[in-house]
Amino acid sequence: MRIAGALALWAFCSVAVVFAPEVLAAQDAGPKLAEGEAALGKKEWSQAIQAFDAALKLDPNAAPAHYGRARALFEMALYDDAAEAARKAVEKGKDDADTRMLLGRAYFAAAERTGDSRQAGSGIRARLTDAEAAFRHAVEKAPENPEPLILLERALEALERHAEAVA
């Protein structure tokens, strides 16, 4: 009986030791997340990115760090990178209206920077279509907020789908 109890205790402790580094990493990322948020508040975009990158080294699944990176990258007009970071935030669990709006804005801004959707290629149309999808998700997540609807209308207009934009 004592051997069985000792084995059970050993098994429990072994499992705890295996998962302890992941738990510690998630906890250790907190100060870097706070540092990144503080840098965002001061509009210190590069410092914010550095802090969020440090948080992601400690916890690659930290959705708030991906979202913070996306915000800073967007402010630096690095729209494709911002879209990628926002997409990762969604993948890691921060799938709310704000994240979807940021994702859509990044796609839309990247498309605008590239040029007129009638003259440019399918890359712009793809970004605009991605922006549309992100804005539609934002509308679903926050139907009481008019901002995602306004952004969706802009994306539909840019896609020359005027009838849908008006509806």
Foldseek 3Di string as FASTA:
>chain_A
DVVVVVVVVVVVVVVCVVCVQQVVLLVVLVVLLVQLVVCVVVLVLVSNLVSLVVSCVSPVLPLSSLQSNLVSCVVVVVLVSSLVSLVSSVVSPPQALVSLQSNLVSLQSVLVVVHQPVPDDCSSVVSLVSSLVSLVSSCVRCVVDCVSLVSNLVSCVSVVVNVVSVD
